[in-house]
Amino acid sequence: MKKILMFILSIALFASCSKKNDGSIIGTASAAGGEVTAGITVKLYGENTSFLRDTQTDSEGNFAFTGLDSGNYYIGATITVDGNVWDTGNRPRIIYVSDEIVEEVALTLTQK
């Protein structure tokens, strides 16, 4: 009986210490005074500023990065409209993500 109890406690301890990747960053992005929302490229970077992945906004400007580990992330966005580049600038926004938490952000792009 003690062995079974120790086995169950070991599994519970392992499960509680295992690294989760349930964090999310969701948000909206817009450019050109709010007129452009679809097709904006939003990029996700790790804490050491290494590129992780990117996504495109939908017709309402929504984007999401899911399945993230706890930690600091940077996001930035860009789009070219009629030959004009719009972006969030040289300083991507830093976001802290914790397990099972959804962080909401709003990005406004300005013309370069």
PDB file of N, CA and C in Angstrom:
ATOM      1  N   MET A   1       0.823  -1.204   0.000  1.00  0.00           N
ATOM      2  CA  MET A   1       0.000   0.000   0.000  1.00  0.00           C
ATOM      3  C   MET A   1       0.863   1.263   0.000  1.00  0.00           C
ATOM      4  N   LYS A   2       1.969   1.230   0.783  1.00  0.00           N
ATOM      5  CA  LYS A   2       2.862   2.388   0.821  1.00  0.00           C
ATOM      6  C   LYS A   2       3.484   2.646  -0.540  1.00  0.00           C
ATOM      7  N   LYS A   3       3.842   1.569  -1.256  1.00  0.00           N
ATOM      8  CA  LYS A   3       4.439   1.732  -2.575  1.00  0.00           C
ATOM      9  C   LYS A   3       3.463   2.377  -3.547  1.00  0.00           C
ATOM     10  N   ILE A   4       2.214   1.990  -3.485  1.00  0.00           N
ATOM     11  CA  ILE A   4       1.197   2.575  -4.363  1.00  0.00           C
ATOM     12  C   ILE A   4       1.011   4.049  -4.031  1.00  0.00           C
ATOM     13  N   LEU A   5       0.945   4.368  -2.760  1.00  0.00           N
ATOM     14  CA  LEU A   5       0.782   5.760  -2.334  1.00  0.00           C
ATOM     15  C   LEU A   5       1.984   6.605  -2.775  1.00  0.00           C
ATOM     16  N   MET A   6       3.195   6.065  -2.598  1.00  0.00           N
ATOM     17  CA  MET A   6       4.395   6.793  -3.030  1.00  0.00           C
ATOM     18  C   MET A   6       4.404   6.990  -4.545  1.00  0.00           C
ATOM     19  N   PHE A   7       3.958   5.983  -5.283  1.00  0.00           N
ATOM     20  CA  PHE A   7       3.897   6.083  -6.735  1.00  0.00           C
ATOM     21  C   PHE A   7       2.929   7.185  -7.157  1.00  0.00           C
ATOM     22  N   ILE A   8       1.764   7.213  -6.542  1.00  0.00           N
ATOM     23  CA  ILE A   8       0.758   8.235  -6.858  1.00  0.00           C
ATOM     24  C   ILE A   8       1.280   9.626  -6.492  1.00  0.00           C
ATOM     25  N   LEU A   9       1.912   9.775  -5.347  1.00  0.00           N
ATOM     26  CA  LEU A   9       2.467  11.061  -4.946  1.00  0.00           C
ATOM     27  C   LEU A   9       3.591  11.499  -5.897  1.00  0.00           C
ATOM     28  N   SER A  10       4.402  10.549  -6.354  1.00  0.00           N
ATOM     29  CA  SER A  10       5.470  10.871  -7.292  1.00  0.00           C
ATOM     30  C   SER A  10       4.920  11.393  -8.608  1.00  0.00           C
ATOM     31  N   ILE A  11       3.880  10.750  -9.102  1.00  0.00           N
ATOM     32  CA  ILE A  11       3.250  11.194 -10.350  1.00  0.00           C
ATOM     33  C   ILE A  11       2.642  12.582 -10.173  1.00  0.00           C
ATOM     34  N   ALA A  12       1.966  12.799  -9.055  1.00  0.00           N
ATOM     35  CA  ALA A  12       1.353  14.106  -8.799  1.00  0.00           C
ATOM     36  C   ALA A  12       2.416  15.196  -8.700  1.00  0.00           C
ATOM     37  N   LEU A  13       3.522  14.895  -8.042  1.00  0.00           N
ATOM     38  CA  LEU A  13       4.601  15.868  -7.922  1.00  0.00           C
ATOM     39  C   LEU A  13       5.220  16.160  -9.285  1.00  0.00           C
ATOM     40  N   PHE A  14       5.452  15.134 -10.082  1.00  0.00           N
ATOM     41  CA  PHE A  14       6.008  15.324 -11.419  1.00  0.00           C
ATOM     42  C   PHE A  14       5.084  16.172 -12.277  1.00  0.00           C
ATOM     43  N   ALA A  15       3.786  15.878 -12.224  1.00  0.00           N
ATOM     44  CA  ALA A  15       2.815  16.638 -13.025  1.00  0.00           C
ATOM     45  C   ALA A  15       2.751  18.095 -12.590  1.00  0.00           C
ATOM     46  N   SER A  16       2.852  18.351 -11.302  1.00  0.00           N
ATOM     47  CA  SER A  16       2.766  19.734 -10.826  1.00  0.00           C
ATOM     48  C   SER A  16       4.033  20.516 -11.128  1.00  0.00           C
ATOM     49  N   CYS A  17       5.161  19.840 -11.302  1.00  0.00           N
ATOM     50  CA  CYS A  17       6.425  20.514 -11.598  1.00  0.00           C
ATOM     51  C   CYS A  17       6.720  20.594 -13.089  1.00  0.00           C
ATOM     52  N   SER A  18       5.966  19.893 -13.887  1.00  0.00           N
ATOM     53  CA  SER A  18       6.253  19.907 -15.317  1.00  0.00           C
ATOM     54  C   SER A  18       5.952  21.271 -15.906  1.00  0.00           C
ATOM     55  N   LYS A  19       6.705  21.624 -16.920  1.00  0.00           N
ATOM     56  CA  LYS A  19       6.577  22.937 -17.556  1.00  0.00           C
ATOM     57  C   LYS A  19       5.309  22.978 -18.396  1.00  0.00           C
ATOM     58  N   LYS A  20       4.508  23.972 -18.171  1.00  0.00           N
ATOM     59  CA  LYS A  20       3.274  24.131 -18.935  1.00  0.00           C
ATOM     60  C   LYS A  20       3.514  25.109 -20.076  1.00  0.00           C
ATOM     61  N   ASN A  21       2.760  24.962 -21.123  1.00  0.00           N
ATOM     62  CA  ASN A  21       2.828  25.920 -22.209  1.00  0.00           C
ATOM     63  C   ASN A  21       1.404  26.289 -22.618  1.00  0.00           C
ATOM     64  N   ASP A  22       0.702  26.841 -21.643  1.00  0.00           N
ATOM     65  CA  ASP A  22      -0.697  27.189 -21.846  1.00  0.00           C
ATOM     66  C   ASP A  22      -0.928  28.685 -21.923  1.00  0.00           C
ATOM     67  N   GLY A  23       0.122  29.485 -21.899  1.00  0.00           N
ATOM     68  CA  GLY A  23      -0.037  30.930 -21.961  1.00  0.00           C
ATOM     69  C   GLY A  23      -0.363  31.389 -23.371  1.00  0.00           C
ATOM     70  N   SER A  24      -1.009  32.525 -23.475  1.00  0.00           N
ATOM     71  CA  SER A  24      -1.396  33.072 -24.776  1.00  0.00           C
ATOM     72  C   SER A  24      -1.225  34.586 -24.797  1.00  0.00           C
ATOM     73  N   ILE A  25      -0.943  35.097 -25.973  1.00  0.00           N
ATOM     74  CA  ILE A  25      -0.991  36.537 -26.224  1.00  0.00           C
ATOM     75  C   ILE A  25      -2.010  36.725 -27.327  1.00  0.00           C
ATOM     76  N   ILE A  26      -3.042  37.496 -27.049  1.00  0.00           N
ATOM     77  CA  ILE A  26      -4.045  37.809 -28.064  1.00  0.00           C
ATOM     78  C   ILE A  26      -4.154  39.318 -28.166  1.00  0.00           C
ATOM     79  N   GLY A  27      -4.610  39.796 -29.296  1.00  0.00           N
ATOM     80  CA  GLY A  27      -4.746  41.240 -29.412  1.00  0.00           C
ATOM     81  C   GLY A  27      -5.262  41.675 -30.749  1.00  0.00           C
ATOM     82  N   THR A  28      -5.181  42.974 -30.958  1.00  0.00           N
ATOM     83  CA  THR A  28      -5.599  43.580 -32.216  1.00  0.00           C
ATOM     84  C   THR A  28      -4.493  44.497 -32.699  1.00  0.00           C
ATOM     85  N   ALA A  29      -4.455  44.696 -34.003  1.00  0.00           N
ATOM     86  CA  ALA A  29      -3.493  45.620 -34.606  1.00  0.00           C
ATOM     87  C   ALA A  29      -4.205  46.393 -35.698  1.00  0.00           C
ATOM     88  N   SER A  30      -3.822  47.656 -35.861  1.00  0.00           N
ATOM     89  CA  SER A  30      -4.401  48.470 -36.930  1.00  0.00           C
ATOM     90  C   SER A  30      -3.377  49.490 -37.408  1.00  0.00           C
ATOM     91  N   ALA A  31      -3.568  49.917 -38.651  1.00  0.00           N
ATOM     92  CA  ALA A  31      -2.672  50.907 -39.255  1.00  0.00           C
ATOM     93  C   ALA A  31      -3.496  51.895 -40.049  1.00  0.00           C
ATOM     94  N   ALA A  32      -2.835  52.927 -40.562  1.00  0.00           N
ATOM     95  CA  ALA A  32      -3.473  53.950 -41.395  1.00  0.00           C
ATOM     96  C   ALA A  32      -4.695  54.538 -40.704  1.00  0.00           C
ATOM     97  N   GLY A  33      -4.513  54.953 -39.462  1.00  0.00           N
ATOM     98  CA  GLY A  33      -5.606  55.567 -38.725  1.00  0.00           C
ATOM     99  C   GLY A  33      -6.740  54.614 -38.395  1.00  0.00           C
ATOM    100  N   GLY A  34      -6.450  53.334 -38.319  1.00  0.00           N
ATOM    101  CA  GLY A  34      -7.464  52.337 -37.994  1.00  0.00           C
ATOM    102  C   GLY A  34      -8.174  51.763 -39.199  1.00  0.00           C
ATOM    103  N   GLU A  35      -7.854  52.245 -40.387  1.00  0.00           N
ATOM    104  CA  GLU A  35      -8.524  51.768 -41.599  1.00  0.00           C
ATOM    105  C   GLU A  35      -8.048  50.391 -42.039  1.00  0.00           C
ATOM    106  N   VAL A  36      -6.758  50.089 -41.829  1.00  0.00           N
ATOM    107  CA  VAL A  36      -6.197  48.802 -42.237  1.00  0.00           C
ATOM    108  C   VAL A  36      -6.092  47.899 -41.019  1.00  0.00           C
ATOM    109  N   THR A  37      -6.737  46.748 -41.100  1.00  0.00           N
ATOM    110  CA  THR A  37      -6.663  45.799 -39.999  1.00  0.00           C
ATOM    111  C   THR A  37      -6.255  44.408 -40.462  1.00  0.00           C
ATOM    112  N   ALA A  38      -6.633  44.010 -41.661  1.00  0.00           N
ATOM    113  CA  ALA A  38      -6.355  42.655 -42.140  1.00  0.00           C
ATOM    114  C   ALA A  38      -4.966  42.565 -42.761  1.00  0.00           C
ATOM    115  N   GLY A  39      -4.323  41.421 -42.583  1.00  0.00           N
ATOM    116  CA  GLY A  39      -3.057  41.164 -43.242  1.00  0.00           C
ATOM    117  C   GLY A  39      -1.836  41.785 -42.610  1.00  0.00           C
ATOM    118  N   ILE A  40      -1.957  42.326 -41.423  1.00  0.00           N
ATOM    119  CA  ILE A  40      -0.808  42.874 -40.715  1.00  0.00           C
ATOM    120  C   ILE A  40       0.008  41.702 -40.167  1.00  0.00           C
ATOM    121  N   THR A  41       1.304  41.728 -40.399  1.00  0.00           N
ATOM    122  CA  THR A  41       2.181  40.679 -39.886  1.00  0.00           C
ATOM    123  C   THR A  41       2.587  41.022 -38.458  1.00  0.00           C
ATOM    124  N   VAL A  42       2.267  40.135 -37.519  1.00  0.00           N
ATOM    125  CA  VAL A  42       2.645  40.305 -36.120  1.00  0.00           C
ATOM    126  C   VAL A  42       3.697  39.245 -35.815  1.00  0.00           C
ATOM    127  N   LYS A  43       4.853  39.684 -35.312  1.00  0.00           N
ATOM    128  CA  LYS A  43       5.967  38.777 -35.038  1.00  0.00           C
ATOM    129  C   LYS A  43       6.174  38.612 -33.540  1.00  0.00           C
ATOM    130  N   LEU A  44       6.507  37.388 -33.149  1.00  0.00           N
ATOM    131  CA  LEU A  44       6.753  37.036 -31.754  1.00  0.00           C
ATOM    132  C   LEU A  44       8.235  36.710 -31.590  1.00  0.00           C
ATOM    133  N   TYR A  45       8.846  37.329 -30.573  1.00  0.00           N
ATOM    134  CA  TYR A  45      10.254  37.117 -30.267  1.00  0.00           C
ATOM    135  C   TYR A  45      10.390  36.639 -28.831  1.00  0.00           C
ATOM    136  N   GLY A  46      11.412  35.825 -28.575  1.00  0.00           N
ATOM    137  CA  GLY A  46      11.697  35.382 -27.220  1.00  0.00           C
ATOM    138  C   GLY A  46      12.355  36.471 -26.404  1.00  0.00           C
ATOM    139  N   GLU A  47      12.583  36.170 -25.136  1.00  0.00           N
ATOM    140  CA  GLU A  47      13.178  37.149 -24.228  1.00  0.00           C
ATOM    141  C   GLU A  47      14.564  37.589 -24.697  1.00  0.00           C
ATOM    142  N   ASN A  48      15.283  36.698 -25.376  1.00  0.00           N
ATOM    143  CA  ASN A  48      16.604  37.042 -25.892  1.00  0.00           C
ATOM    144  C   ASN A  48      16.520  37.662 -27.289  1.00  0.00           C
ATOM    145  N   THR A  49      15.345  38.096 -27.681  1.00  0.00           N
ATOM    146  CA  THR A  49      15.003  38.743 -28.956  1.00  0.00           C
ATOM    147  C   THR A  49      15.164  37.840 -30.171  1.00  0.00           C
ATOM    148  N   SER A  50      15.220  36.526 -29.957  1.00  0.00           N
ATOM    149  CA  SER A  50      15.263  35.611 -31.097  1.00  0.00           C
ATOM    150  C   SER A  50      13.856  35.446 -31.663  1.00  0.00           C
ATOM    151  N   PHE A  51      13.750  35.450 -32.996  1.00  0.00           N
ATOM    152  CA  PHE A  51      12.461  35.302 -33.663  1.00  0.00           C
ATOM    153  C   PHE A  51      11.900  33.912 -33.390  1.00  0.00           C
ATOM    154  N   LEU A  52      10.618  33.849 -32.993  1.00  0.00           N
ATOM    155  CA  LEU A  52       9.969  32.569 -32.721  1.00  0.00           C
ATOM    156  C   LEU A  52       8.973  32.185 -33.812  1.00  0.00           C
ATOM    157  N   ARG A  53       8.058  33.094 -34.121  1.00  0.00           N
ATOM    158  CA  ARG A  53       7.070  32.830 -35.162  1.00  0.00           C
ATOM    159  C   ARG A  53       6.303  34.105 -35.470  1.00  0.00           C
ATOM    160  N   ASP A  54       5.490  34.041 -36.535  1.00  0.00           N
ATOM    161  CA  ASP A  54       4.661  35.195 -36.867  1.00  0.00           C
ATOM    162  C   ASP A  54       3.272  34.722 -37.260  1.00  0.00           C
ATOM    163  N   THR A  55       2.381  35.675 -37.366  1.00  0.00           N
ATOM    164  CA  THR A  55       1.002  35.410 -37.757  1.00  0.00           C
ATOM    165  C   THR A  55       0.465  36.628 -38.483  1.00  0.00           C
ATOM    166  N   GLN A  56      -0.676  36.480 -39.118  1.00  0.00           N
ATOM    167  CA  GLN A  56      -1.340  37.584 -39.823  1.00  0.00           C
ATOM    168  C   GLN A  56      -2.644  37.921 -39.098  1.00  0.00           C
ATOM    169  N   THR A  57      -2.980  39.198 -39.094  1.00  0.00           N
ATOM    170  CA  THR A  57      -4.258  39.593 -38.499  1.00  0.00           C
ATOM    171  C   THR A  57      -5.403  39.203 -39.429  1.00  0.00           C
ATOM    172  N   ASP A  58      -6.572  38.962 -38.817  1.00  0.00           N
ATOM    173  CA  ASP A  58      -7.762  38.651 -39.603  1.00  0.00           C
ATOM    174  C   ASP A  58      -8.429  39.948 -40.062  1.00  0.00           C
ATOM    175  N   SER A  59      -9.620  39.857 -40.621  1.00  0.00           N
ATOM    176  CA  SER A  59     -10.307  41.026 -41.178  1.00  0.00           C
ATOM    177  C   SER A  59     -10.651  42.078 -40.126  1.00  0.00           C
ATOM    178  N   GLU A  60     -10.659  41.693 -38.854  1.00  0.00           N
ATOM    179  CA  GLU A  60     -10.956  42.641 -37.783  1.00  0.00           C
ATOM    180  C   GLU A  60      -9.708  43.071 -37.025  1.00  0.00           C
ATOM    181  N   GLY A  61      -8.542  42.634 -37.505  1.00  0.00           N
ATOM    182  CA  GLY A  61      -7.290  43.026 -36.862  1.00  0.00           C
ATOM    183  C   GLY A  61      -6.871  42.133 -35.713  1.00  0.00           C
ATOM    184  N   ASN A  62      -7.543  41.012 -35.518  1.00  0.00           N
ATOM    185  CA  ASN A  62      -7.239  40.119 -34.400  1.00  0.00           C
ATOM    186  C   ASN A  62      -6.062  39.202 -34.721  1.00  0.00           C
ATOM    187  N   PHE A  63      -5.256  38.921 -33.696  1.00  0.00           N
ATOM    188  CA  PHE A  63      -4.175  37.943 -33.825  1.00  0.00           C
ATOM    189  C   PHE A  63      -4.047  37.179 -32.518  1.00  0.00           C
ATOM    190  N   ALA A  64      -3.357  36.034 -32.569  1.00  0.00           N
ATOM    191  CA  ALA A  64      -3.161  35.231 -31.360  1.00  0.00           C
ATOM    192  C   ALA A  64      -1.900  34.391 -31.476  1.00  0.00           C
ATOM    193  N   PHE A  65      -1.199  34.284 -30.361  1.00  0.00           N
ATOM    194  CA  PHE A  65      -0.102  33.346 -30.185  1.00  0.00           C
ATOM    195  C   PHE A  65      -0.472  32.497 -28.980  1.00  0.00           C
ATOM    196  N   THR A  66      -0.607  31.203 -29.167  1.00  0.00           N
ATOM    197  CA  THR A  66      -1.028  30.315 -28.083  1.00  0.00           C
ATOM    198  C   THR A  66       0.046  29.263 -27.826  1.00  0.00           C
ATOM    199  N   GLY A  67      -0.136  28.512 -26.733  1.00  0.00           N
ATOM    200  CA  GLY A  67       0.800  27.450 -26.388  1.00  0.00           C
ATOM    201  C   GLY A  67       2.155  27.967 -25.953  1.00  0.00           C
ATOM    202  N   LEU A  68       2.172  29.112 -25.264  1.00  0.00           N
ATOM    203  CA  LEU A  68       3.426  29.740 -24.847  1.00  0.00           C
ATOM    204  C   LEU A  68       3.815  29.331 -23.434  1.00  0.00           C
ATOM    205  N   ASP A  69       5.114  29.134 -23.233  1.00  0.00           N
ATOM    206  CA  ASP A  69       5.644  28.906 -21.892  1.00  0.00           C
ATOM    207  C   ASP A  69       5.639  30.219 -21.123  1.00  0.00           C
ATOM    208  N   SER A  70       5.710  30.152 -19.809  1.00  0.00           N
ATOM    209  CA  SER A  70       5.828  31.363 -18.998  1.00  0.00           C
ATOM    210  C   SER A  70       7.108  32.091 -19.360  1.00  0.00           C
ATOM    211  N   GLY A  71       7.044  33.405 -19.377  1.00  0.00           N
ATOM    212  CA  GLY A  71       8.236  34.189 -19.658  1.00  0.00           C
ATOM    213  C   GLY A  71       7.918  35.497 -20.330  1.00  0.00           C
ATOM    214  N   ASN A  72       8.962  36.217 -20.682  1.00  0.00           N
ATOM    215  CA  ASN A  72       8.828  37.496 -21.371  1.00  0.00           C
ATOM    216  C   ASN A  72       8.932  37.283 -22.871  1.00  0.00           C
ATOM    217  N   TYR A  73       8.075  37.962 -23.599  1.00  0.00           N
ATOM    218  CA  TYR A  73       8.065  37.906 -25.050  1.00  0.00           C
ATOM    219  C   TYR A  73       7.997  39.323 -25.588  1.00  0.00           C
ATOM    220  N   TYR A  74       8.493  39.500 -26.798  1.00  0.00           N
ATOM    221  CA  TYR A  74       8.369  40.762 -27.505  1.00  0.00           C
ATOM    222  C   TYR A  74       7.484  40.532 -28.721  1.00  0.00           C
ATOM    223  N   ILE A  75       6.648  41.509 -29.041  1.00  0.00           N
ATOM    224  CA  ILE A  75       5.863  41.444 -30.268  1.00  0.00           C
ATOM    225  C   ILE A  75       6.019  42.753 -31.018  1.00  0.00           C
ATOM    226  N   GLY A  76       5.968  42.659 -32.305  1.00  0.00           N
ATOM    227  CA  GLY A  76       6.022  43.828 -33.170  1.00  0.00           C
ATOM    228  C   GLY A  76       5.181  43.537 -34.399  1.00  0.00           C
ATOM    229  N   ALA A  77       4.797  44.572 -35.132  1.00  0.00           N
ATOM    230  CA  ALA A  77       3.917  44.386 -36.287  1.00  0.00           C
ATOM    231  C   ALA A  77       4.334  45.303 -37.421  1.00  0.00           C
ATOM    232  N   THR A  78       4.029  44.856 -38.651  1.00  0.00           N
ATOM    233  CA  THR A  78       4.351  45.654 -39.835  1.00  0.00           C
ATOM    234  C   THR A  78       3.418  45.306 -40.992  1.00  0.00           C
ATOM    235  N   ILE A  79       3.221  46.281 -41.875  1.00  0.00           N
ATOM    236  CA  ILE A  79       2.468  46.077 -43.111  1.00  0.00           C
ATOM    237  C   ILE A  79       2.860  47.193 -44.077  1.00  0.00           C
ATOM    238  N   THR A  80       2.799  46.894 -45.366  1.00  0.00           N
ATOM    239  CA  THR A  80       3.027  47.908 -46.399  1.00  0.00           C
ATOM    240  C   THR A  80       1.704  48.177 -47.094  1.00  0.00           C
ATOM    241  N   VAL A  81       1.293  49.446 -47.106  1.00  0.00           N
ATOM    242  CA  VAL A  81       0.026  49.859 -47.709  1.00  0.00           C
ATOM    243  C   VAL A  81       0.329  50.914 -48.768  1.00  0.00           C
ATOM    244  N   ASP A  82      -0.031  50.618 -50.006  1.00  0.00           N
ATOM    245  CA  ASP A  82       0.204  51.553 -51.120  1.00  0.00           C
ATOM    246  C   ASP A  82       1.645  52.065 -51.143  1.00  0.00           C
ATOM    247  N   GLY A  83       2.600  51.159 -50.904  1.00  0.00           N
ATOM    248  CA  GLY A  83       4.009  51.525 -50.929  1.00  0.00           C
ATOM    249  C   GLY A  83       4.520  52.176 -49.659  1.00  0.00           C
ATOM    250  N   ASN A  84       3.649  52.430 -48.682  1.00  0.00           N
ATOM    251  CA  ASN A  84       4.051  53.030 -47.411  1.00  0.00           C
ATOM    252  C   ASN A  84       4.168  51.949 -46.346  1.00  0.00           C
ATOM    253  N   VAL A  85       5.290  51.959 -45.619  1.00  0.00           N
ATOM    254  CA  VAL A  85       5.515  50.982 -44.556  1.00  0.00           C
ATOM    255  C   VAL A  85       4.936  51.513 -43.252  1.00  0.00           C
ATOM    256  N   TRP A  86       4.146  50.686 -42.606  1.00  0.00           N
ATOM    257  CA  TRP A  86       3.585  50.980 -41.286  1.00  0.00           C
ATOM    258  C   TRP A  86       4.122  49.925 -40.336  1.00  0.00           C
ATOM    259  N   ASP A  87       4.601  50.349 -39.157  1.00  0.00           N
ATOM    260  CA  ASP A  87       5.066  49.356 -38.191  1.00  0.00           C
ATOM    261  C   ASP A  87       4.995  49.910 -36.774  1.00  0.00           C
ATOM    262  N   THR A  88       5.388  49.071 -35.822  1.00  0.00           N
ATOM    263  CA  THR A  88       5.353  49.460 -34.420  1.00  0.00           C
ATOM    264  C   THR A  88       6.657  50.101 -33.974  1.00  0.00           C
ATOM    265  N   GLY A  89       7.573  50.311 -34.915  1.00  0.00           N
ATOM    266  CA  GLY A  89       8.831  50.965 -34.585  1.00  0.00           C
ATOM    267  C   GLY A  89       9.934  49.978 -34.255  1.00  0.00           C
ATOM    268  N   ASN A  90      11.066  50.508 -33.861  1.00  0.00           N
ATOM    269  CA  ASN A  90      12.232  49.681 -33.557  1.00  0.00           C
ATOM    270  C   ASN A  90      12.165  49.006 -32.199  1.00  0.00           C
ATOM    271  N   ARG A  91      11.193  49.349 -31.400  1.00  0.00           N
ATOM    272  CA  ARG A  91      11.085  48.787 -30.062  1.00  0.00           C
ATOM    273  C   ARG A  91       9.834  47.920 -29.951  1.00  0.00           C
ATOM    274  N   PRO A  92       9.987  46.609 -30.153  1.00  0.00           N
ATOM    275  CA  PRO A  92       8.821  45.747 -29.977  1.00  0.00           C
ATOM    276  C   PRO A  92       8.311  45.815 -28.538  1.00  0.00           C
ATOM    277  N   ARG A  93       7.048  45.599 -28.376  1.00  0.00           N
ATOM    278  CA  ARG A  93       6.428  45.663 -27.058  1.00  0.00           C
ATOM    279  C   ARG A  93       6.711  44.397 -26.272  1.00  0.00           C
ATOM    280  N   ILE A  94       7.104  44.523 -24.990  1.00  0.00           N
ATOM    281  CA  ILE A  94       7.383  43.363 -24.158  1.00  0.00           C
ATOM    282  C   ILE A  94       6.110  42.935 -23.425  1.00  0.00           C
ATOM    283  N   ILE A  95       5.879  41.642 -23.405  1.00  0.00           N
ATOM    284  CA  ILE A  95       4.694  41.065 -22.767  1.00  0.00           C
ATOM    285  C   ILE A  95       5.144  39.937 -21.847  1.00  0.00           C
ATOM    286  N   TYR A  96       4.648  39.915 -20.612  1.00  0.00           N
ATOM    287  CA  TYR A  96       4.920  38.782 -19.727  1.00  0.00           C
ATOM    288  C   TYR A  96       3.752  37.818 -19.812  1.00  0.00           C
ATOM    289  N   VAL A  97       4.065  36.547 -20.025  1.00  0.00           N
ATOM    290  CA  VAL A  97       3.047  35.505 -20.115  1.00  0.00           C
ATOM    291  C   VAL A  97       3.272  34.537 -18.973  1.00  0.00           C
ATOM    292  N   SER A  98       2.195  34.202 -18.265  1.00  0.00           N
ATOM    293  CA  SER A  98       2.287  33.178 -17.236  1.00  0.00           C
ATOM    294  C   SER A  98       1.354  32.030 -17.600  1.00  0.00           C
ATOM    295  N   ASP A  99       1.563  30.888 -16.971  1.00  0.00           N
ATOM    296  CA  ASP A  99       0.783  29.695 -17.284  1.00  0.00           C
ATOM    297  C   ASP A  99      -0.710  29.968 -17.239  1.00  0.00           C
ATOM    298  N   GLU A 100      -1.395  29.475 -18.249  1.00  0.00           N
ATOM    299  CA  GLU A 100      -2.849  29.519 -18.335  1.00  0.00           C
ATOM    300  C   GLU A 100      -3.417  30.933 -18.251  1.00  0.00           C
ATOM    301  N   ILE A 101      -2.635  31.920 -18.634  1.00  0.00           N
ATOM    302  CA  ILE A 101      -3.089  33.304 -18.614  1.00  0.00           C
ATOM    303  C   ILE A 101      -3.089  33.818 -20.048  1.00  0.00           C
ATOM    304  N   VAL A 102      -4.106  34.591 -20.377  1.00  0.00           N
ATOM    305  CA  VAL A 102      -4.181  35.223 -21.689  1.00  0.00           C
ATOM    306  C   VAL A 102      -3.862  36.697 -21.516  1.00  0.00           C
ATOM    307  N   GLU A 103      -2.821  37.160 -22.175  1.00  0.00           N
ATOM    308  CA  GLU A 103      -2.447  38.571 -22.141  1.00  0.00           C
ATOM    309  C   GLU A 103      -3.026  39.246 -23.383  1.00  0.00           C
ATOM    310  N   GLU A 104      -3.755  40.332 -23.186  1.00  0.00           N
ATOM    311  CA  GLU A 104      -4.352  41.061 -24.295  1.00  0.00           C
ATOM    312  C   GLU A 104      -3.542  42.323 -24.578  1.00  0.00           C
ATOM    313  N   VAL A 105      -3.290  42.571 -25.864  1.00  0.00           N
ATOM    314  CA  VAL A 105      -2.535  43.756 -26.266  1.00  0.00           C
ATOM    315  C   VAL A 105      -3.197  44.407 -27.466  1.00  0.00           C
ATOM    316  N   ALA A 106      -2.946  45.700 -27.619  1.00  0.00           N
ATOM    317  CA  ALA A 106      -3.417  46.433 -28.793  1.00  0.00           C
ATOM    318  C   ALA A 106      -2.196  47.119 -29.408  1.00  0.00           C
ATOM    319  N   LEU A 107      -1.979  46.889 -30.694  1.00  0.00           N
ATOM    320  CA  LEU A 107      -0.856  47.478 -31.408  1.00  0.00           C
ATOM    321  C   LEU A 107      -1.367  48.519 -32.392  1.00  0.00           C
ATOM    322  N   THR A 108      -0.785  49.701 -32.374  1.00  0.00           N
ATOM    323  CA  THR A 108      -1.108  50.731 -33.350  1.00  0.00           C
ATOM    324  C   THR A 108       0.151  50.999 -34.151  1.00  0.00           C
ATOM    325  N   LEU A 109       0.062  50.800 -35.436  1.00  0.00           N
ATOM    326  CA  LEU A 109       1.204  50.979 -36.310  1.00  0.00           C
ATOM    327  C   LEU A 109       1.246  52.419 -36.811  1.00  0.00           C
ATOM    328  N   THR A 110       2.439  52.966 -36.956  1.00  0.00           N
ATOM    329  CA  THR A 110       2.596  54.309 -37.493  1.00  0.00           C
ATOM    330  C   THR A 110       3.401  54.246 -38.776  1.00  0.00           C
ATOM    331  N   GLN A 111       3.170  55.225 -39.645  1.00  0.00           N
ATOM    332  CA  GLN A 111       3.857  55.249 -40.940  1.00  0.00           C
ATOM    333  C   GLN A 111       5.302  55.686 -40.767  1.00  0.00           C
ATOM    334  N   LYS A 112       6.193  55.012 -41.475  1.00  0.00           N
ATOM    335  CA  LYS A 112       7.625  55.376 -41.428  1.00  0.00           C
ATOM    336  C   LYS A 112       7.906  56.472 -42.417  1.00  0.00           C
TER     337      LYS A 112
END
